[in-house]
Amino acid sequence: RLSILQDKLKEIQLKYNKSFNNKYVKVLVENQSISNPRYFFGRTPFMQSVYLESEKIEIGKEMNVKITSCNHKSLYGIA
Protein backbone atom coordinates (compact mmCIF):
# COMPACT_ATOMS: atom_id res chain seq x y z
CA ARG A 1 0.00 0.00 0.00
CA LEU A 2 2.85 2.36 0.77
CA SER A 3 4.25 1.96 -2.74
CA ILE A 4 0.88 2.79 -4.29
CA LEU A 5 0.59 5.89 -2.13
CA GLN A 6 4.14 7.02 -2.96
CA ASP A 7 3.51 6.57 -6.69
CA LYS A 8 0.34 8.66 -6.45
CA LEU A 9 2.16 11.36 -4.48
CA LYS A 10 4.95 11.47 -7.09
CA GLU A 11 2.32 11.87 -9.83
CA ILE A 12 0.64 14.75 -7.96
CA GLN A 13 3.98 16.47 -7.27
CA LEU A 14 5.00 16.24 -10.93
CA LYS A 15 1.68 17.67 -12.09
CA TYR A 16 2.01 20.55 -9.61
CA ASN A 17 5.61 21.28 -10.62
CA LYS A 18 4.72 21.18 -14.33
CA SER A 19 2.24 24.00 -13.69
CA PHE A 20 5.27 26.29 -13.19
CA ASN A 21 6.88 25.56 -16.59
CA ASN A 22 7.55 28.72 -18.62
CA LYS A 23 6.50 30.91 -15.69
CA TYR A 24 8.49 33.21 -13.45
CA VAL A 25 8.68 32.38 -9.75
CA LYS A 26 10.33 34.21 -6.88
CA VAL A 27 13.36 32.29 -5.59
CA LEU A 28 15.61 32.90 -2.59
CA VAL A 29 19.13 31.93 -3.71
CA GLU A 30 20.78 29.81 -0.99
CA ASN A 31 24.10 28.64 -2.43
CA GLN A 32 26.33 28.13 -5.46
CA SER A 33 27.56 24.86 -6.93
CA ILE A 34 31.16 24.08 -6.02
CA SER A 35 31.78 21.92 -9.09
CA ASN A 36 30.23 24.38 -11.56
CA PRO A 37 30.03 28.04 -10.46
CA ARG A 38 27.39 28.83 -13.11
CA TYR A 39 24.78 26.83 -11.17
CA PHE A 40 22.92 27.95 -8.07
CA PHE A 41 20.34 26.49 -5.70
CA GLY A 42 17.37 28.23 -4.13
CA ARG A 43 13.82 27.78 -2.89
CA THR A 44 10.42 29.22 -3.76
CA PRO A 45 8.11 30.62 -1.05
CA PHE A 46 6.51 27.12 -1.08
CA MET A 47 9.92 25.54 -0.27
CA GLN A 48 10.30 23.91 -3.70
CA SER A 49 13.91 23.27 -4.67
CA VAL A 50 15.04 25.29 -7.69
CA TYR A 51 18.28 24.71 -9.59
CA LEU A 52 19.20 27.63 -11.78
CA GLU A 53 21.88 28.74 -14.17
CA SER A 54 23.26 32.25 -14.25
CA GLU A 55 26.54 34.10 -14.71
CA LYS A 56 26.52 35.71 -11.28
CA ILE A 57 23.94 35.83 -8.51
CA GLU A 58 24.28 37.21 -5.03
CA ILE A 59 23.69 34.52 -2.39
CA GLY A 60 20.80 35.47 -0.10
CA LYS A 61 19.14 37.54 -2.83
CA GLU A 62 15.53 36.99 -3.85
CA MET A 63 14.97 37.05 -7.60
CA ASN A 64 12.53 36.10 -10.34
CA VAL A 65 13.54 32.91 -12.14
CA LYS A 66 12.02 31.53 -15.35
CA ILE A 67 11.25 27.83 -14.88
CA THR A 68 12.31 25.82 -17.92
CA SER A 69 11.77 22.22 -16.74
CA CYS A 70 11.00 20.10 -13.71
CA ASN A 71 10.72 16.67 -12.18
CA HIS A 72 8.64 15.52 -9.23
CA LYS A 73 11.21 16.85 -6.73
CA SER A 74 12.65 20.04 -8.23
CA LEU A 75 12.26 22.94 -10.61
CA TYR A 76 14.97 24.05 -13.06
CA GLY A 77 15.33 27.53 -14.45
CA ILE A 78 17.39 30.45 -15.66
CA ALA A 79 17.90 33.82 -14.04
PDB file of N, CA and C in Angstrom:
ATOM      1  N   ARG A   1       0.818  -1.201   0.000  1.00  0.00           N
ATOM      2  CA  ARG A   1       0.000   0.000   0.000  1.00  0.00           C
ATOM      3  C   ARG A   1       0.859   1.262   0.000  1.00  0.00           C
ATOM      4  N   LEU A   2       1.965   1.206   0.710  1.00  0.00           N
ATOM      5  CA  LEU A   2       2.847   2.364   0.767  1.00  0.00           C
ATOM      6  C   LEU A   2       3.363   2.725  -0.625  1.00  0.00           C
ATOM      7  N   SER A   3       3.741   1.737  -1.393  1.00  0.00           N
ATOM      8  CA  SER A   3       4.255   1.962  -2.743  1.00  0.00           C
ATOM      9  C   SER A   3       3.204   2.629  -3.626  1.00  0.00           C
ATOM     10  N   ILE A   4       1.976   2.205  -3.505  1.00  0.00           N
ATOM     11  CA  ILE A   4       0.880   2.793  -4.291  1.00  0.00           C
ATOM     12  C   ILE A   4       0.704   4.258  -3.910  1.00  0.00           C
ATOM     13  N   LEU A   5       0.737   4.527  -2.615  1.00  0.00           N
ATOM     14  CA  LEU A   5       0.591   5.893  -2.130  1.00  0.00           C
ATOM     15  C   LEU A   5       1.757   6.776  -2.591  1.00  0.00           C
ATOM     16  N   GLN A   6       2.970   6.258  -2.527  1.00  0.00           N
ATOM     17  CA  GLN A   6       4.140   7.019  -2.961  1.00  0.00           C
ATOM     18  C   GLN A   6       4.092   7.315  -4.459  1.00  0.00           C
ATOM     19  N   ASP A   7       3.644   6.352  -5.251  1.00  0.00           N
ATOM     20  CA  ASP A   7       3.513   6.575  -6.695  1.00  0.00           C
ATOM     21  C   ASP A   7       2.491   7.664  -6.992  1.00  0.00           C
ATOM     22  N   LYS A   8       1.386   7.646  -6.265  1.00  0.00           N
ATOM     23  CA  LYS A   8       0.342   8.657  -6.453  1.00  0.00           C
ATOM     24  C   LYS A   8       0.857  10.041  -6.049  1.00  0.00           C
ATOM     25  N   LEU A   9       1.590  10.100  -4.947  1.00  0.00           N
ATOM     26  CA  LEU A   9       2.160  11.363  -4.485  1.00  0.00           C
ATOM     27  C   LEU A   9       3.149  11.917  -5.509  1.00  0.00           C
ATOM     28  N   LYS A  10       3.979  11.056  -6.074  1.00  0.00           N
ATOM     29  CA  LYS A  10       4.947  11.470  -7.091  1.00  0.00           C
ATOM     30  C   LYS A  10       4.216  12.047  -8.310  1.00  0.00           C
ATOM     31  N   GLU A  11       3.130  11.409  -8.691  1.00  0.00           N
ATOM     32  CA  GLU A  11       2.322  11.871  -9.827  1.00  0.00           C
ATOM     33  C   GLU A  11       1.740  13.261  -9.550  1.00  0.00           C
ATOM     34  N   ILE A  12       1.225  13.460  -8.339  1.00  0.00           N
ATOM     35  CA  ILE A  12       0.641  14.749  -7.956  1.00  0.00           C
ATOM     36  C   ILE A  12       1.718  15.832  -7.912  1.00  0.00           C
ATOM     37  N   GLN A  13       2.885  15.507  -7.353  1.00  0.00           N
ATOM     38  CA  GLN A  13       3.984  16.471  -7.274  1.00  0.00           C
ATOM     39  C   GLN A  13       4.452  16.888  -8.666  1.00  0.00           C
ATOM     40  N   LEU A  14       4.564  15.929  -9.570  1.00  0.00           N
ATOM     41  CA  LEU A  14       5.004  16.239 -10.928  1.00  0.00           C
ATOM     42  C   LEU A  14       3.991  17.144 -11.628  1.00  0.00           C
ATOM     43  N   LYS A  15       2.720  16.846 -11.473  1.00  0.00           N
ATOM     44  CA  LYS A  15       1.678  17.669 -12.091  1.00  0.00           C
ATOM     45  C   LYS A  15       1.736  19.100 -11.544  1.00  0.00           C
ATOM     46  N   TYR A  16       1.915  19.228 -10.237  1.00  0.00           N
ATOM     47  CA  TYR A  16       2.010  20.550  -9.615  1.00  0.00           C
ATOM     48  C   TYR A  16       3.240  21.299 -10.128  1.00  0.00           C
ATOM     49  N   ASN A  17       4.387  20.633 -10.153  1.00  0.00           N
ATOM     50  CA  ASN A  17       5.612  21.283 -10.616  1.00  0.00           C
ATOM     51  C   ASN A  17       5.527  21.672 -12.087  1.00  0.00           C
ATOM     52  N   LYS A  18       4.872  20.855 -12.904  1.00  0.00           N
ATOM     53  CA  LYS A  18       4.715  21.183 -14.328  1.00  0.00           C
ATOM     54  C   LYS A  18       3.903  22.456 -14.528  1.00  0.00           C
ATOM     55  N   SER A  19       3.050  22.785 -13.569  1.00  0.00           N
ATOM     56  CA  SER A  19       2.240  23.998 -13.693  1.00  0.00           C
ATOM     57  C   SER A  19       3.102  25.266 -13.653  1.00  0.00           C
ATOM     58  N   PHE A  20       4.361  25.143 -13.243  1.00  0.00           N
ATOM     59  CA  PHE A  20       5.269  26.287 -13.189  1.00  0.00           C
ATOM     60  C   PHE A  20       6.115  26.444 -14.451  1.00  0.00           C
ATOM     61  N   ASN A  21       6.078  25.481 -15.362  1.00  0.00           N
ATOM     62  CA  ASN A  21       6.885  25.557 -16.585  1.00  0.00           C
ATOM     63  C   ASN A  21       6.578  26.825 -17.367  1.00  0.00           C
ATOM     64  N   ASN A  22       7.636  27.480 -17.838  1.00  0.00           N
ATOM     65  CA  ASN A  22       7.555  28.724 -18.617  1.00  0.00           C
ATOM     66  C   ASN A  22       6.932  29.883 -17.848  1.00  0.00           C
ATOM     67  N   LYS A  23       6.990  29.822 -16.528  1.00  0.00           N
ATOM     68  CA  LYS A  23       6.501  30.914 -15.686  1.00  0.00           C
ATOM     69  C   LYS A  23       7.655  31.421 -14.836  1.00  0.00           C
ATOM     70  N   TYR A  24       7.499  32.634 -14.351  1.00  0.00           N
ATOM     71  CA  TYR A  24       8.489  33.212 -13.448  1.00  0.00           C
ATOM     72  C   TYR A  24       8.042  32.991 -12.009  1.00  0.00           C
ATOM     73  N   VAL A  25       8.968  32.556 -11.172  1.00  0.00           N
ATOM     74  CA  VAL A  25       8.684  32.380  -9.748  1.00  0.00           C
ATOM     75  C   VAL A  25       9.762  33.100  -8.940  1.00  0.00           C
ATOM     76  N   LYS A  26       9.381  33.555  -7.777  1.00  0.00           N
ATOM     77  CA  LYS A  26      10.329  34.206  -6.878  1.00  0.00           C
ATOM     78  C   LYS A  26      11.140  33.130  -6.175  1.00  0.00           C
ATOM     79  N   VAL A  27      12.459  33.286  -6.172  1.00  0.00           N
ATOM     80  CA  VAL A  27      13.363  32.290  -5.592  1.00  0.00           C
ATOM     81  C   VAL A  27      14.363  32.994  -4.676  1.00  0.00           C
ATOM     82  N   LEU A  28      14.555  32.440  -3.489  1.00  0.00           N
ATOM     83  CA  LEU A  28      15.608  32.897  -2.591  1.00  0.00           C
ATOM     84  C   LEU A  28      16.833  32.040  -2.863  1.00  0.00           C
ATOM     85  N   VAL A  29      17.907  32.659  -3.349  1.00  0.00           N
ATOM     86  CA  VAL A  29      19.125  31.926  -3.707  1.00  0.00           C
ATOM     87  C   VAL A  29      19.886  31.586  -2.426  1.00  0.00           C
ATOM     88  N   GLU A  30      20.144  30.275  -2.228  1.00  0.00           N
ATOM     89  CA  GLU A  30      20.778  29.814  -0.992  1.00  0.00           C
ATOM     90  C   GLU A  30      22.265  29.521  -1.141  1.00  0.00           C
ATOM     91  N   ASN A  31      22.674  28.945  -2.270  1.00  0.00           N
ATOM     92  CA  ASN A  31      24.099  28.642  -2.430  1.00  0.00           C
ATOM     93  C   ASN A  31      24.462  28.432  -3.892  1.00  0.00           C
ATOM     94  N   GLN A  32      25.771  28.301  -4.118  1.00  0.00           N
ATOM     95  CA  GLN A  32      26.333  28.134  -5.456  1.00  0.00           C
ATOM     96  C   GLN A  32      27.002  26.768  -5.549  1.00  0.00           C
ATOM     97  N   SER A  33      26.914  26.152  -6.711  1.00  0.00           N
ATOM     98  CA  SER A  33      27.559  24.860  -6.931  1.00  0.00           C
ATOM     99  C   SER A  33      29.075  25.002  -6.829  1.00  0.00           C
ATOM    100  N   ILE A  34      29.699  24.075  -6.137  1.00  0.00           N
ATOM    101  CA  ILE A  34      31.159  24.084  -6.017  1.00  0.00           C
ATOM    102  C   ILE A  34      31.795  23.572  -7.307  1.00  0.00           C
ATOM    103  N   SER A  35      31.200  22.531  -7.888  1.00  0.00           N
ATOM    104  CA  SER A  35      31.780  21.917  -9.087  1.00  0.00           C
ATOM    105  C   SER A  35      31.574  22.753 -10.350  1.00  0.00           C
ATOM    106  N   ASN A  36      30.485  23.540 -10.400  1.00  0.00           N
ATOM    107  CA  ASN A  36      30.231  24.384 -11.563  1.00  0.00           C
ATOM    108  C   ASN A  36      29.651  25.714 -11.089  1.00  0.00           C
ATOM    109  N   PRO A  37      30.461  26.760 -11.022  1.00  0.00           N
ATOM    110  CA  PRO A  37      30.026  28.035 -10.457  1.00  0.00           C
ATOM    111  C   PRO A  37      28.908  28.746 -11.222  1.00  0.00           C
ATOM    112  N   ARG A  38      28.514  28.226 -12.374  1.00  0.00           N
ATOM    113  CA  ARG A  38      27.385  28.828 -13.109  1.00  0.00           C
ATOM    114  C   ARG A  38      26.037  28.359 -12.584  1.00  0.00           C
ATOM    115  N   TYR A  39      26.033  27.387 -11.680  1.00  0.00           N
ATOM    116  CA  TYR A  39      24.785  26.829 -11.171  1.00  0.00           C
ATOM    117  C   TYR A  39      24.564  27.205  -9.712  1.00  0.00           C
ATOM    118  N   PHE A  40      23.315  27.521  -9.408  1.00  0.00           N
ATOM    119  CA  PHE A  40      22.924  27.955  -8.071  1.00  0.00           C
ATOM    120  C   PHE A  40      21.715  27.143  -7.609  1.00  0.00           C
ATOM    121  N   PHE A  41      21.479  27.186  -6.295  1.00  0.00           N
ATOM    122  CA  PHE A  41      20.340  26.495  -5.704  1.00  0.00           C
ATOM    123  C   PHE A  41      19.551  27.496  -4.873  1.00  0.00           C
ATOM    124  N   GLY A  42      18.222  27.377  -4.947  1.00  0.00           N
ATOM    125  CA  GLY A  42      17.369  28.233  -4.135  1.00  0.00           C
ATOM    126  C   GLY A  42      16.033  27.564  -3.882  1.00  0.00           C
ATOM    127  N   ARG A  43      15.150  28.302  -3.212  1.00  0.00           N
ATOM    128  CA  ARG A  43      13.817  27.780  -2.891  1.00  0.00           C
ATOM    129  C   ARG A  43      12.749  28.842  -3.163  1.00  0.00           C
ATOM    130  N   THR A  44      11.581  28.352  -3.563  1.00  0.00           N
ATOM    131  CA  THR A  44      10.423  29.216  -3.756  1.00  0.00           C
ATOM    132  C   THR A  44       9.790  29.489  -2.386  1.00  0.00           C
ATOM    133  N   PRO A  45       8.813  30.402  -2.317  1.00  0.00           N
ATOM    134  CA  PRO A  45       8.107  30.616  -1.048  1.00  0.00           C
ATOM    135  C   PRO A  45       7.383  29.352  -0.550  1.00  0.00           C
ATOM    136  N   PHE A  46       7.164  28.382  -1.455  1.00  0.00           N
ATOM    137  CA  PHE A  46       6.512  27.120  -1.081  1.00  0.00           C
ATOM    138  C   PHE A  46       7.528  26.031  -0.752  1.00  0.00           C
ATOM    139  N   MET A  47       8.810  26.437  -0.635  1.00  0.00           N
ATOM    140  CA  MET A  47       9.917  25.544  -0.271  1.00  0.00           C
ATOM    141  C   MET A  47      10.259  24.521  -1.351  1.00  0.00           C
ATOM    142  N   GLN A  48       9.905  24.793  -2.601  1.00  0.00           N
ATOM    143  CA  GLN A  48      10.297  23.914  -3.701  1.00  0.00           C
ATOM    144  C   GLN A  48      11.758  24.182  -4.043  1.00  0.00           C
ATOM    145  N   SER A  49      12.514  23.133  -4.269  1.00  0.00           N
ATOM    146  CA  SER A  49      13.912  23.272  -4.675  1.00  0.00           C
ATOM    147  C   SER A  49      13.980  23.776  -6.109  1.00  0.00           C
ATOM    148  N   VAL A  50      14.851  24.749  -6.347  1.00  0.00           N
ATOM    149  CA  VAL A  50      15.042  25.291  -7.689  1.00  0.00           C
ATOM    150  C   VAL A  50      16.540  25.302  -7.993  1.00  0.00           C
ATOM    151  N   TYR A  51      16.904  24.681  -9.096  1.00  0.00           N
ATOM    152  CA  TYR A  51      18.276  24.709  -9.586  1.00  0.00           C
ATOM    153  C   TYR A  51      18.297  25.660 -10.763  1.00  0.00           C
ATOM    154  N   LEU A  52      19.204  26.646 -10.719  1.00  0.00           N
ATOM    155  CA  LEU A  52      19.196  27.632 -11.781  1.00  0.00           C
ATOM    156  C   LEU A  52      20.599  27.930 -12.282  1.00  0.00           C
ATOM    157  N   GLU A  53      20.623  28.398 -13.516  1.00  0.00           N
ATOM    158  CA  GLU A  53      21.884  28.736 -14.168  1.00  0.00           C
ATOM    159  C   GLU A  53      21.935  30.239 -14.382  1.00  0.00           C
ATOM    160  N   SER A  54      23.068  30.821 -14.052  1.00  0.00           N
ATOM    161  CA  SER A  54      23.259  32.249 -14.253  1.00  0.00           C
ATOM    162  C   SER A  54      24.745  32.570 -14.169  1.00  0.00           C
ATOM    163  N   GLU A  55      25.135  33.683 -14.759  1.00  0.00           N
ATOM    164  CA  GLU A  55      26.536  34.096 -14.713  1.00  0.00           C
ATOM    165  C   GLU A  55      26.956  34.454 -13.292  1.00  0.00           C
ATOM    166  N   LYS A  56      26.173  35.293 -12.636  1.00  0.00           N
ATOM    167  CA  LYS A  56      26.523  35.708 -11.280  1.00  0.00           C
ATOM    168  C   LYS A  56      25.255  36.101 -10.540  1.00  0.00           C
ATOM    169  N   ILE A  57      25.087  35.533  -9.363  1.00  0.00           N
ATOM    170  CA  ILE A  57      23.943  35.831  -8.512  1.00  0.00           C
ATOM    171  C   ILE A  57      24.470  36.036  -7.100  1.00  0.00           C
ATOM    172  N   GLU A  58      23.888  36.972  -6.415  1.00  0.00           N
ATOM    173  CA  GLU A  58      24.278  37.211  -5.032  1.00  0.00           C
ATOM    174  C   GLU A  58      23.537  36.226  -4.121  1.00  0.00           C
ATOM    175  N   ILE A  59      24.286  35.465  -3.329  1.00  0.00           N
ATOM    176  CA  ILE A  59      23.694  34.515  -2.387  1.00  0.00           C
ATOM    177  C   ILE A  59      22.878  35.305  -1.362  1.00  0.00           C
ATOM    178  N   GLY A  60      21.685  34.794  -1.046  1.00  0.00           N
ATOM    179  CA  GLY A  60      20.802  35.469  -0.102  1.00  0.00           C
ATOM    180  C   GLY A  60      19.850  36.443  -0.765  1.00  0.00           C
ATOM    181  N   LYS A  61      19.993  36.615  -2.079  1.00  0.00           N
ATOM    182  CA  LYS A  61      19.143  37.542  -2.828  1.00  0.00           C
ATOM    183  C   LYS A  61      17.893  36.820  -3.325  1.00  0.00           C
ATOM    184  N   GLU A  62      16.773  37.529  -3.301  1.00  0.00           N
ATOM    185  CA  GLU A  62      15.532  36.988  -3.852  1.00  0.00           C
ATOM    186  C   GLU A  62      15.399  37.519  -5.273  1.00  0.00           C
ATOM    187  N   MET A  63      15.060  36.626  -6.208  1.00  0.00           N
ATOM    188  CA  MET A  63      14.971  37.048  -7.601  1.00  0.00           C
ATOM    189  C   MET A  63      13.907  36.258  -8.352  1.00  0.00           C
ATOM    190  N   ASN A  64      13.475  36.797  -9.483  1.00  0.00           N
ATOM    191  CA  ASN A  64      12.530  36.097 -10.340  1.00  0.00           C
ATOM    192  C   ASN A  64      13.304  35.177 -11.277  1.00  0.00           C
ATOM    193  N   VAL A  65      12.872  33.928 -11.337  1.00  0.00           N
ATOM    194  CA  VAL A  65      13.537  32.907 -12.143  1.00  0.00           C
ATOM    195  C   VAL A  65      12.517  32.311 -13.105  1.00  0.00           C
ATOM    196  N   LYS A  66      12.899  32.174 -14.376  1.00  0.00           N
ATOM    197  CA  LYS A  66      12.017  31.529 -15.347  1.00  0.00           C
ATOM    198  C   LYS A  66      12.242  30.025 -15.270  1.00  0.00           C
ATOM    199  N   ILE A  67      11.174  29.286 -14.988  1.00  0.00           N
ATOM    200  CA  ILE A  67      11.251  27.831 -14.876  1.00  0.00           C
ATOM    201  C   ILE A  67      11.207  27.240 -16.278  1.00  0.00           C
ATOM    202  N   THR A  68      12.196  26.400 -16.579  1.00  0.00           N
ATOM    203  CA  THR A  68      12.306  25.817 -17.918  1.00  0.00           C
ATOM    204  C   THR A  68      11.976  24.328 -17.944  1.00  0.00           C
ATOM    205  N   SER A  69      12.106  23.650 -16.805  1.00  0.00           N
ATOM    206  CA  SER A  69      11.771  22.224 -16.740  1.00  0.00           C
ATOM    207  C   SER A  69      11.610  21.823 -15.280  1.00  0.00           C
ATOM    208  N   CYS A  70      11.215  20.568 -15.073  1.00  0.00           N
ATOM    209  CA  CYS A  70      11.004  20.098 -13.706  1.00  0.00           C
ATOM    210  C   CYS A  70      10.992  18.580 -13.663  1.00  0.00           C
ATOM    211  N   ASN A  71      11.039  18.066 -12.451  1.00  0.00           N
ATOM    212  CA  ASN A  71      10.720  16.670 -12.183  1.00  0.00           C
ATOM    213  C   ASN A  71       9.833  16.678 -10.945  1.00  0.00           C
ATOM    214  N   HIS A  72       9.563  15.527 -10.360  1.00  0.00           N
ATOM    215  CA  HIS A  72       8.637  15.519  -9.227  1.00  0.00           C
ATOM    216  C   HIS A  72       9.234  16.127  -7.964  1.00  0.00           C
ATOM    217  N   LYS A  73      10.557  16.303  -7.922  1.00  0.00           N
ATOM    218  CA  LYS A  73      11.207  16.847  -6.728  1.00  0.00           C
ATOM    219  C   LYS A  73      11.628  18.305  -6.866  1.00  0.00           C
ATOM    220  N   SER A  74      12.003  18.736  -8.068  1.00  0.00           N
ATOM    221  CA  SER A  74      12.651  20.039  -8.228  1.00  0.00           C
ATOM    222  C   SER A  74      12.201  20.772  -9.480  1.00  0.00           C
ATOM    223  N   LEU A  75      12.458  22.083  -9.450  1.00  0.00           N
ATOM    224  CA  LEU A  75      12.259  22.940 -10.610  1.00  0.00           C
ATOM    225  C   LEU A  75      13.635  23.347 -11.131  1.00  0.00           C
ATOM    226  N   TYR A  76      13.724  23.623 -12.431  1.00  0.00           N
ATOM    227  CA  TYR A  76      14.975  24.045 -13.059  1.00  0.00           C
ATOM    228  C   TYR A  76      14.697  25.309 -13.851  1.00  0.00           C
ATOM    229  N   GLY A  77      15.593  26.283 -13.755  1.00  0.00           N
ATOM    230  CA  GLY A  77      15.328  27.528 -14.448  1.00  0.00           C
ATOM    231  C   GLY A  77      16.568  28.331 -14.756  1.00  0.00           C
ATOM    232  N   ILE A  78      16.317  29.514 -15.325  1.00  0.00           N
ATOM    233  CA  ILE A  78      17.389  30.448 -15.662  1.00  0.00           C
ATOM    234  C   ILE A  78      17.055  31.805 -15.055  1.00  0.00           C
ATOM    235  N   ALA A  79      18.105  32.504 -14.665  1.00  0.00           N
ATOM    236  CA  ALA A  79      17.905  33.818 -14.043  1.00  0.00           C
ATOM    237  C   ALA A  79      18.299  34.915 -15.011  1.00  0.00           C
TER     238      ALA A  79
END
